[in-house]
Amino acid sequence: MTTISRTLGPDAESSAGNNLRDKTVLCADDDEDQLTARRMLLESAGVKVLTAKSGQEALELFEKAGAVDAVVLDYYMPGMKGLSVAREIKRLRSNVPIVVLSGFAALPDETIGVIDRWLQKRDVTELLGELEQLMQQKTVGRPGT
């Protein structure tokens, strides 16, 4: 049993099944503690995690990495908000699922049609399941699958 499963509960790692294993997720957050916790959670499910501490760094990593299966962004980052990053990522590759995390409870109107999921930062246990669901939907929706 890993530290993540002891912290989040016995079903935290297994709830996402094996569909996230070997996927690559880009995470961006200016709060290093949040970024580290998210990386640990995703890695515990077998996800390869790319991390960025700013919106600009996230875009650079996204363009260089090529094979990013999903993106998890903090909504509010200095310089470039997560929503601006999401818009640019969707412009580059519209099929990449994007989850935005925030301390705000309500989904701002400006995010409609840009992001795939809005989660509060405290909903960390839901993140794995949401990512798995979004990636499955995007895979089913791709031509030739």
N, C-alpha and C. Protein backbone atom coordinates (compact mmCIF):
# COMPACT_ATOMS: atom_id res chain seq x y z
N MET A 1 0.86 -1.19 0.00
CA MET A 1 0.00 0.00 0.00
C MET A 1 0.89 1.24 0.00
N THR A 2 0.63 2.16 -0.90
CA THR A 2 1.44 3.37 -1.01
C THR A 2 0.94 4.46 -0.07
N THR A 3 1.76 5.49 0.09
CA THR A 3 1.38 6.63 0.91
C THR A 3 0.10 7.27 0.39
N ILE A 4 -0.03 7.34 -0.92
CA ILE A 4 -1.23 7.94 -1.53
C ILE A 4 -2.47 7.16 -1.13
N SER A 5 -2.42 5.84 -1.26
CA SER A 5 -3.60 5.04 -0.93
C SER A 5 -3.91 5.09 0.56
N ARG A 6 -2.86 5.18 1.40
CA ARG A 6 -3.11 5.29 2.84
C ARG A 6 -3.75 6.63 3.16
N THR A 7 -3.35 7.67 2.44
CA THR A 7 -3.87 9.01 2.69
C THR A 7 -5.29 9.19 2.16
N LEU A 8 -5.53 8.75 0.93
CA LEU A 8 -6.82 8.97 0.30
C LEU A 8 -7.83 7.87 0.54
N GLY A 9 -7.38 6.73 1.00
CA GLY A 9 -8.28 5.61 1.23
C GLY A 9 -7.91 4.45 0.34
N PRO A 10 -8.37 3.25 0.66
CA PRO A 10 -7.94 2.05 -0.04
C PRO A 10 -8.35 1.99 -1.51
N ASP A 11 -9.37 2.71 -1.92
CA ASP A 11 -9.82 2.63 -3.30
C ASP A 11 -9.25 3.74 -4.18
N ALA A 12 -8.42 4.61 -3.63
CA ALA A 12 -7.94 5.78 -4.39
C ALA A 12 -7.18 5.37 -5.64
N GLU A 13 -6.26 4.41 -5.50
CA GLU A 13 -5.45 4.03 -6.65
C GLU A 13 -6.19 3.10 -7.58
N SER A 14 -6.99 2.21 -7.03
CA SER A 14 -7.66 1.22 -7.88
C SER A 14 -8.90 1.77 -8.55
N SER A 15 -9.43 2.89 -8.05
CA SER A 15 -10.68 3.41 -8.61
C SER A 15 -10.52 3.85 -10.05
N ALA A 16 -9.33 4.21 -10.44
CA ALA A 16 -9.12 4.65 -11.82
C ALA A 16 -8.83 3.48 -12.74
N GLY A 17 -8.74 2.27 -12.20
CA GLY A 17 -8.48 1.12 -13.05
C GLY A 17 -7.10 1.22 -13.66
N ASN A 18 -6.89 0.44 -14.70
CA ASN A 18 -5.60 0.44 -15.37
C ASN A 18 -5.58 1.33 -16.60
N ASN A 19 -6.66 2.05 -16.88
CA ASN A 19 -6.74 2.84 -18.10
C ASN A 19 -5.85 4.07 -18.09
N LEU A 20 -5.33 4.45 -16.95
CA LEU A 20 -4.43 5.60 -16.89
C LEU A 20 -2.97 5.19 -16.98
N ARG A 21 -2.70 3.92 -16.77
CA ARG A 21 -1.33 3.43 -16.79
C ARG A 21 -0.69 3.76 -18.13
N ASP A 22 0.52 4.28 -18.06
CA ASP A 22 1.32 4.64 -19.23
C ASP A 22 0.78 5.82 -20.03
N LYS A 23 -0.18 6.55 -19.48
CA LYS A 23 -0.65 7.78 -20.11
C LYS A 23 0.25 8.92 -19.63
N THR A 24 0.28 10.00 -20.39
CA THR A 24 1.06 11.17 -20.02
C THR A 24 0.12 12.33 -19.74
N VAL A 25 0.27 12.92 -18.55
CA VAL A 25 -0.56 14.04 -18.13
C VAL A 25 0.35 15.21 -17.80
N LEU A 26 0.03 16.36 -18.35
CA LEU A 26 0.74 17.60 -18.05
C LEU A 26 -0.01 18.32 -16.94
N CYS A 27 0.69 18.66 -15.87
CA CYS A 27 0.09 19.39 -14.75
C CYS A 27 0.80 20.73 -14.58
N ALA A 28 0.01 21.78 -14.44
CA ALA A 28 0.59 23.11 -14.23
C ALA A 28 -0.06 23.77 -13.01
N ASP A 29 0.79 24.27 -12.12
CA ASP A 29 0.32 24.98 -10.93
C ASP A 29 1.49 25.78 -10.40
N ASP A 30 1.26 27.01 -10.01
CA ASP A 30 2.33 27.83 -9.45
C ASP A 30 2.61 27.49 -7.99
N ASP A 31 1.74 26.71 -7.36
CA ASP A 31 1.93 26.28 -5.97
C ASP A 31 2.66 24.93 -6.00
N GLU A 32 3.92 24.94 -5.59
CA GLU A 32 4.74 23.74 -5.68
C GLU A 32 4.19 22.57 -4.86
N ASP A 33 3.60 22.85 -3.70
CA ASP A 33 3.02 21.78 -2.88
C ASP A 33 1.86 21.11 -3.61
N GLN A 34 0.99 21.92 -4.21
CA GLN A 34 -0.14 21.36 -4.98
C GLN A 34 0.37 20.53 -6.16
N LEU A 35 1.37 21.04 -6.83
CA LEU A 35 1.94 20.36 -8.00
C LEU A 35 2.56 19.03 -7.59
N THR A 36 3.28 19.02 -6.49
CA THR A 36 3.91 17.79 -6.00
C THR A 36 2.86 16.76 -5.59
N ALA A 37 1.84 17.20 -4.88
CA ALA A 37 0.77 16.28 -4.46
C ALA A 37 0.07 15.68 -5.68
N ARG A 38 -0.21 16.49 -6.66
CA ARG A 38 -0.88 16.02 -7.88
C ARG A 38 0.00 15.02 -8.63
N ARG A 39 1.29 15.34 -8.73
CA ARG A 39 2.23 14.44 -9.39
C ARG A 39 2.27 13.09 -8.68
N MET A 40 2.34 13.12 -7.36
CA MET A 40 2.39 11.87 -6.59
C MET A 40 1.12 11.04 -6.79
N LEU A 41 -0.04 11.70 -6.77
CA LEU A 41 -1.30 11.01 -6.97
C LEU A 41 -1.33 10.34 -8.34
N LEU A 42 -0.99 11.08 -9.37
CA LEU A 42 -1.05 10.54 -10.73
C LEU A 42 -0.01 9.44 -10.94
N GLU A 43 1.19 9.64 -10.42
CA GLU A 43 2.21 8.61 -10.56
C GLU A 43 1.82 7.33 -9.85
N SER A 44 1.07 7.44 -8.76
CA SER A 44 0.62 6.25 -8.03
C SER A 44 -0.34 5.41 -8.88
N ALA A 45 -0.95 6.04 -9.89
CA ALA A 45 -1.85 5.33 -10.80
C ALA A 45 -1.14 4.91 -12.08
N GLY A 46 0.19 5.07 -12.12
CA GLY A 46 0.96 4.65 -13.27
C GLY A 46 1.05 5.67 -14.39
N VAL A 47 0.70 6.92 -14.09
CA VAL A 47 0.71 7.99 -15.08
C VAL A 47 2.10 8.61 -15.14
N LYS A 48 2.56 8.90 -16.36
CA LYS A 48 3.77 9.70 -16.54
C LYS A 48 3.33 11.15 -16.41
N VAL A 49 4.00 11.91 -15.55
CA VAL A 49 3.57 13.28 -15.26
C VAL A 49 4.64 14.27 -15.68
N LEU A 50 4.21 15.26 -16.45
CA LEU A 50 5.04 16.40 -16.79
C LEU A 50 4.55 17.56 -15.94
N THR A 51 5.45 18.31 -15.32
CA THR A 51 5.01 19.40 -14.45
C THR A 51 5.55 20.74 -14.94
N ALA A 52 4.73 21.75 -14.73
CA ALA A 52 5.09 23.12 -15.08
C ALA A 52 4.64 24.04 -13.95
N LYS A 53 5.43 25.06 -13.68
CA LYS A 53 5.12 25.99 -12.59
C LYS A 53 4.49 27.28 -13.10
N SER A 54 4.21 27.34 -14.39
CA SER A 54 3.56 28.53 -14.95
C SER A 54 2.81 28.13 -16.21
N GLY A 55 1.92 28.99 -16.64
CA GLY A 55 1.19 28.74 -17.86
C GLY A 55 2.09 28.69 -19.07
N GLN A 56 3.04 29.61 -19.14
CA GLN A 56 3.96 29.65 -20.27
C GLN A 56 4.80 28.38 -20.33
N GLU A 57 5.29 27.93 -19.19
CA GLU A 57 6.08 26.70 -19.14
C GLU A 57 5.21 25.50 -19.56
N ALA A 58 3.96 25.50 -19.17
CA ALA A 58 3.04 24.41 -19.56
C ALA A 58 2.89 24.35 -21.07
N LEU A 59 2.70 25.50 -21.70
CA LEU A 59 2.57 25.52 -23.17
C LEU A 59 3.83 25.03 -23.86
N GLU A 60 4.99 25.46 -23.36
CA GLU A 60 6.25 25.02 -23.94
C GLU A 60 6.41 23.51 -23.82
N LEU A 61 6.10 22.96 -22.64
CA LEU A 61 6.18 21.52 -22.44
C LEU A 61 5.19 20.77 -23.34
N PHE A 62 3.99 21.29 -23.45
CA PHE A 62 2.96 20.66 -24.28
C PHE A 62 3.42 20.58 -25.73
N GLU A 63 3.99 21.65 -26.23
CA GLU A 63 4.44 21.66 -27.62
C GLU A 63 5.64 20.74 -27.83
N LYS A 64 6.56 20.67 -26.87
CA LYS A 64 7.75 19.82 -27.00
C LYS A 64 7.43 18.34 -26.81
N ALA A 65 6.55 18.03 -25.86
CA ALA A 65 6.29 16.63 -25.49
C ALA A 65 5.57 15.86 -26.60
N GLY A 66 4.66 16.51 -27.27
CA GLY A 66 3.94 15.84 -28.36
C GLY A 66 2.87 14.88 -27.90
N ALA A 67 3.22 13.88 -27.15
CA ALA A 67 2.26 12.85 -26.75
C ALA A 67 1.72 13.10 -25.35
N VAL A 68 0.90 14.12 -25.20
CA VAL A 68 0.25 14.40 -23.92
C VAL A 68 -1.19 13.94 -24.03
N ASP A 69 -1.61 13.06 -23.11
CA ASP A 69 -2.95 12.48 -23.15
C ASP A 69 -4.00 13.34 -22.47
N ALA A 70 -3.59 14.18 -21.51
CA ALA A 70 -4.52 15.05 -20.79
C ALA A 70 -3.73 16.14 -20.10
N VAL A 71 -4.44 17.21 -19.73
CA VAL A 71 -3.81 18.35 -19.07
C VAL A 71 -4.62 18.71 -17.84
N VAL A 72 -3.93 18.97 -16.73
CA VAL A 72 -4.55 19.43 -15.49
C VAL A 72 -3.93 20.78 -15.16
N LEU A 73 -4.78 21.81 -15.10
CA LEU A 73 -4.30 23.17 -14.90
C LEU A 73 -4.91 23.81 -13.65
N ASP A 74 -4.10 24.61 -12.98
CA ASP A 74 -4.62 25.49 -11.95
C ASP A 74 -5.31 26.64 -12.66
N TYR A 75 -6.46 27.06 -12.17
CA TYR A 75 -7.19 28.14 -12.81
C TYR A 75 -6.44 29.46 -12.71
N TYR A 76 -5.96 29.78 -11.52
CA TYR A 76 -5.32 31.07 -11.32
C TYR A 76 -3.82 30.90 -11.13
N MET A 77 -3.07 31.31 -12.15
CA MET A 77 -1.61 31.35 -12.08
C MET A 77 -1.18 32.74 -12.51
N PRO A 78 -0.17 33.30 -11.86
CA PRO A 78 0.29 34.62 -12.27
C PRO A 78 0.83 34.60 -13.70
N GLY A 79 0.63 35.69 -14.41
CA GLY A 79 1.15 35.80 -15.76
C GLY A 79 0.19 35.26 -16.81
N MET A 80 -0.17 34.01 -16.70
CA MET A 80 -1.04 33.37 -17.68
C MET A 80 -1.98 32.42 -16.95
N LYS A 81 -3.24 32.79 -16.88
CA LYS A 81 -4.22 31.95 -16.18
C LYS A 81 -4.39 30.61 -16.90
N GLY A 82 -4.85 29.63 -16.14
CA GLY A 82 -5.09 28.31 -16.70
C GLY A 82 -6.03 28.32 -17.88
N LEU A 83 -6.99 29.20 -17.87
CA LEU A 83 -7.95 29.27 -18.97
C LEU A 83 -7.27 29.71 -20.27
N SER A 84 -6.33 30.63 -20.19
CA SER A 84 -5.58 31.04 -21.38
C SER A 84 -4.74 29.89 -21.92
N VAL A 85 -4.15 29.13 -21.01
CA VAL A 85 -3.38 27.95 -21.41
C VAL A 85 -4.31 26.94 -22.08
N ALA A 86 -5.47 26.72 -21.49
CA ALA A 86 -6.44 25.76 -22.03
C ALA A 86 -6.87 26.16 -23.45
N ARG A 87 -7.13 27.44 -23.66
CA ARG A 87 -7.53 27.90 -25.00
C ARG A 87 -6.45 27.59 -26.03
N GLU A 88 -5.20 27.84 -25.67
CA GLU A 88 -4.10 27.61 -26.60
C GLU A 88 -3.90 26.11 -26.86
N ILE A 89 -4.02 25.31 -25.83
CA ILE A 89 -3.89 23.86 -26.01
C ILE A 89 -5.01 23.33 -26.91
N LYS A 90 -6.22 23.80 -26.69
CA LYS A 90 -7.35 23.37 -27.54
C LYS A 90 -7.15 23.82 -28.99
N ARG A 91 -6.52 24.98 -29.18
CA ARG A 91 -6.23 25.45 -30.53
C ARG A 91 -5.22 24.51 -31.20
N LEU A 92 -4.23 24.06 -30.42
CA LEU A 92 -3.19 23.20 -30.96
C LEU A 92 -3.68 21.76 -31.18
N ARG A 93 -4.42 21.25 -30.19
CA ARG A 93 -4.93 19.86 -30.25
C ARG A 93 -6.27 19.82 -29.53
N SER A 94 -7.33 19.97 -30.27
CA SER A 94 -8.67 20.09 -29.67
C SER A 94 -9.14 18.83 -28.95
N ASN A 95 -8.54 17.68 -29.24
CA ASN A 95 -9.01 16.44 -28.62
C ASN A 95 -8.37 16.14 -27.26
N VAL A 96 -7.45 16.97 -26.80
CA VAL A 96 -6.79 16.72 -25.51
C VAL A 96 -7.72 17.15 -24.38
N PRO A 97 -8.05 16.22 -23.48
CA PRO A 97 -8.91 16.58 -22.34
C PRO A 97 -8.19 17.54 -21.38
N ILE A 98 -8.93 18.53 -20.92
CA ILE A 98 -8.36 19.50 -19.99
C ILE A 98 -9.24 19.60 -18.75
N VAL A 99 -8.61 19.42 -17.59
CA VAL A 99 -9.27 19.59 -16.30
C VAL A 99 -8.66 20.83 -15.66
N VAL A 100 -9.51 21.74 -15.22
CA VAL A 100 -9.04 22.93 -14.51
C VAL A 100 -9.44 22.79 -13.04
N LEU A 101 -8.46 23.04 -12.19
CA LEU A 101 -8.67 22.97 -10.74
C LEU A 101 -8.65 24.37 -10.16
N SER A 102 -9.51 24.59 -9.20
CA SER A 102 -9.59 25.91 -8.59
C SER A 102 -10.12 25.83 -7.18
N GLY A 103 -9.87 26.87 -6.44
CA GLY A 103 -10.46 27.01 -5.11
C GLY A 103 -11.87 27.56 -5.20
N PHE A 104 -12.23 28.10 -6.36
CA PHE A 104 -13.57 28.66 -6.57
C PHE A 104 -14.58 27.53 -6.71
N ALA A 105 -15.76 27.72 -6.18
CA ALA A 105 -16.79 26.69 -6.22
C ALA A 105 -17.53 26.64 -7.55
N ALA A 106 -17.75 27.78 -8.16
CA ALA A 106 -18.57 27.81 -9.37
C ALA A 106 -17.71 27.91 -10.62
N LEU A 107 -18.22 27.37 -11.69
CA LEU A 107 -17.57 27.41 -12.98
C LEU A 107 -17.80 28.79 -13.62
N PRO A 108 -16.74 29.56 -13.85
CA PRO A 108 -16.93 30.86 -14.50
C PRO A 108 -17.45 30.67 -15.93
N ASP A 109 -18.32 31.56 -16.35
CA ASP A 109 -18.89 31.48 -17.70
C ASP A 109 -17.82 31.41 -18.79
N GLU A 110 -16.69 32.07 -18.57
CA GLU A 110 -15.64 32.11 -19.58
C GLU A 110 -15.02 30.74 -19.87
N THR A 111 -15.25 29.75 -19.02
CA THR A 111 -14.65 28.43 -19.24
C THR A 111 -15.53 27.52 -20.11
N ILE A 112 -16.77 27.88 -20.31
CA ILE A 112 -17.70 27.04 -21.07
C ILE A 112 -17.21 26.88 -22.51
N GLY A 113 -17.10 25.65 -22.93
CA GLY A 113 -16.64 25.35 -24.28
C GLY A 113 -15.13 25.30 -24.43
N VAL A 114 -14.40 25.63 -23.36
CA VAL A 114 -12.94 25.63 -23.44
C VAL A 114 -12.35 24.43 -22.71
N ILE A 115 -12.87 24.14 -21.54
CA ILE A 115 -12.32 23.04 -20.74
C ILE A 115 -13.31 21.89 -20.70
N ASP A 116 -12.80 20.71 -20.32
CA ASP A 116 -13.64 19.53 -20.26
C ASP A 116 -14.22 19.26 -18.88
N ARG A 117 -13.48 19.63 -17.82
CA ARG A 117 -13.97 19.46 -16.44
C ARG A 117 -13.44 20.58 -15.57
N TRP A 118 -14.24 20.93 -14.59
CA TRP A 118 -13.89 21.93 -13.58
C TRP A 118 -14.01 21.22 -12.24
N LEU A 119 -12.92 21.17 -11.49
CA LEU A 119 -12.94 20.55 -10.17
C LEU A 119 -12.35 21.52 -9.16
N GLN A 120 -12.90 21.46 -7.96
CA GLN A 120 -12.28 22.22 -6.88
C GLN A 120 -11.01 21.50 -6.47
N LYS A 121 -10.03 22.24 -6.04
CA LYS A 121 -8.75 21.64 -5.65
C LYS A 121 -8.92 20.60 -4.55
N ARG A 122 -9.91 20.78 -3.72
CA ARG A 122 -10.09 19.83 -2.62
C ARG A 122 -10.66 18.49 -3.11
N ASP A 123 -11.12 18.42 -4.35
CA ASP A 123 -11.71 17.19 -4.91
C ASP A 123 -10.65 16.27 -5.51
N VAL A 124 -9.52 16.15 -4.82
CA VAL A 124 -8.39 15.39 -5.35
C VAL A 124 -8.74 13.92 -5.61
N THR A 125 -9.62 13.35 -4.81
CA THR A 125 -9.97 11.94 -5.01
C THR A 125 -10.75 11.72 -6.29
N GLU A 126 -11.38 12.77 -6.81
CA GLU A 126 -12.15 12.65 -8.04
C GLU A 126 -11.28 12.79 -9.29
N LEU A 127 -10.08 13.33 -9.13
CA LEU A 127 -9.25 13.64 -10.29
C LEU A 127 -8.93 12.42 -11.14
N LEU A 128 -8.52 11.33 -10.54
CA LEU A 128 -8.17 10.13 -11.31
C LEU A 128 -9.36 9.62 -12.13
N GLY A 129 -10.51 9.53 -11.49
CA GLY A 129 -11.70 9.05 -12.18
C GLY A 129 -12.13 9.97 -13.32
N GLU A 130 -12.05 11.27 -13.09
CA GLU A 130 -12.41 12.24 -14.13
C GLU A 130 -11.46 12.14 -15.32
N LEU A 131 -10.16 12.04 -15.04
CA LEU A 131 -9.18 11.91 -16.12
C LEU A 131 -9.41 10.65 -16.93
N GLU A 132 -9.65 9.55 -16.24
CA GLU A 132 -9.89 8.28 -16.94
C GLU A 132 -11.12 8.40 -17.84
N GLN A 133 -12.19 8.95 -17.31
CA GLN A 133 -13.43 9.09 -18.08
C GLN A 133 -13.21 9.99 -19.30
N LEU A 134 -12.53 11.11 -19.13
CA LEU A 134 -12.30 12.03 -20.23
C LEU A 134 -11.43 11.39 -21.32
N MET A 135 -10.39 10.68 -20.91
CA MET A 135 -9.52 10.05 -21.90
C MET A 135 -10.25 8.95 -22.67
N GLN A 136 -11.11 8.21 -21.99
CA GLN A 136 -11.90 7.19 -22.68
C GLN A 136 -12.84 7.84 -23.68
N GLN A 137 -13.49 8.93 -23.31
CA GLN A 137 -14.40 9.63 -24.21
C GLN A 137 -13.67 10.16 -25.43
N LYS A 138 -12.48 10.71 -25.23
CA LYS A 138 -11.72 11.27 -26.34
C LYS A 138 -11.21 10.16 -27.26
N THR A 139 -10.85 9.01 -26.69
CA THR A 139 -10.38 7.89 -27.50
C THR A 139 -11.52 7.34 -28.35
N VAL A 140 -12.70 7.18 -27.75
CA VAL A 140 -13.86 6.68 -28.49
C VAL A 140 -14.27 7.64 -29.58
N GLY A 141 -14.10 8.94 -29.33
CA GLY A 141 -14.51 9.95 -30.30
C GLY A 141 -13.53 10.18 -31.43
N ARG A 142 -12.32 9.57 -31.37
CA ARG A 142 -11.31 9.79 -32.41
C ARG A 142 -11.66 9.00 -33.66
N PRO A 143 -11.42 9.57 -34.81
CA PRO A 143 -11.65 8.82 -36.06
C PRO A 143 -10.74 7.59 -36.10
N GLY A 144 -11.29 6.49 -36.58
CA GLY A 144 -10.51 5.27 -36.72
C GLY A 144 -10.45 4.41 -35.48
N THR A 145 -11.18 4.79 -34.42
CA THR A 145 -11.18 3.96 -33.20
C THR A 145 -12.54 3.39 -32.95
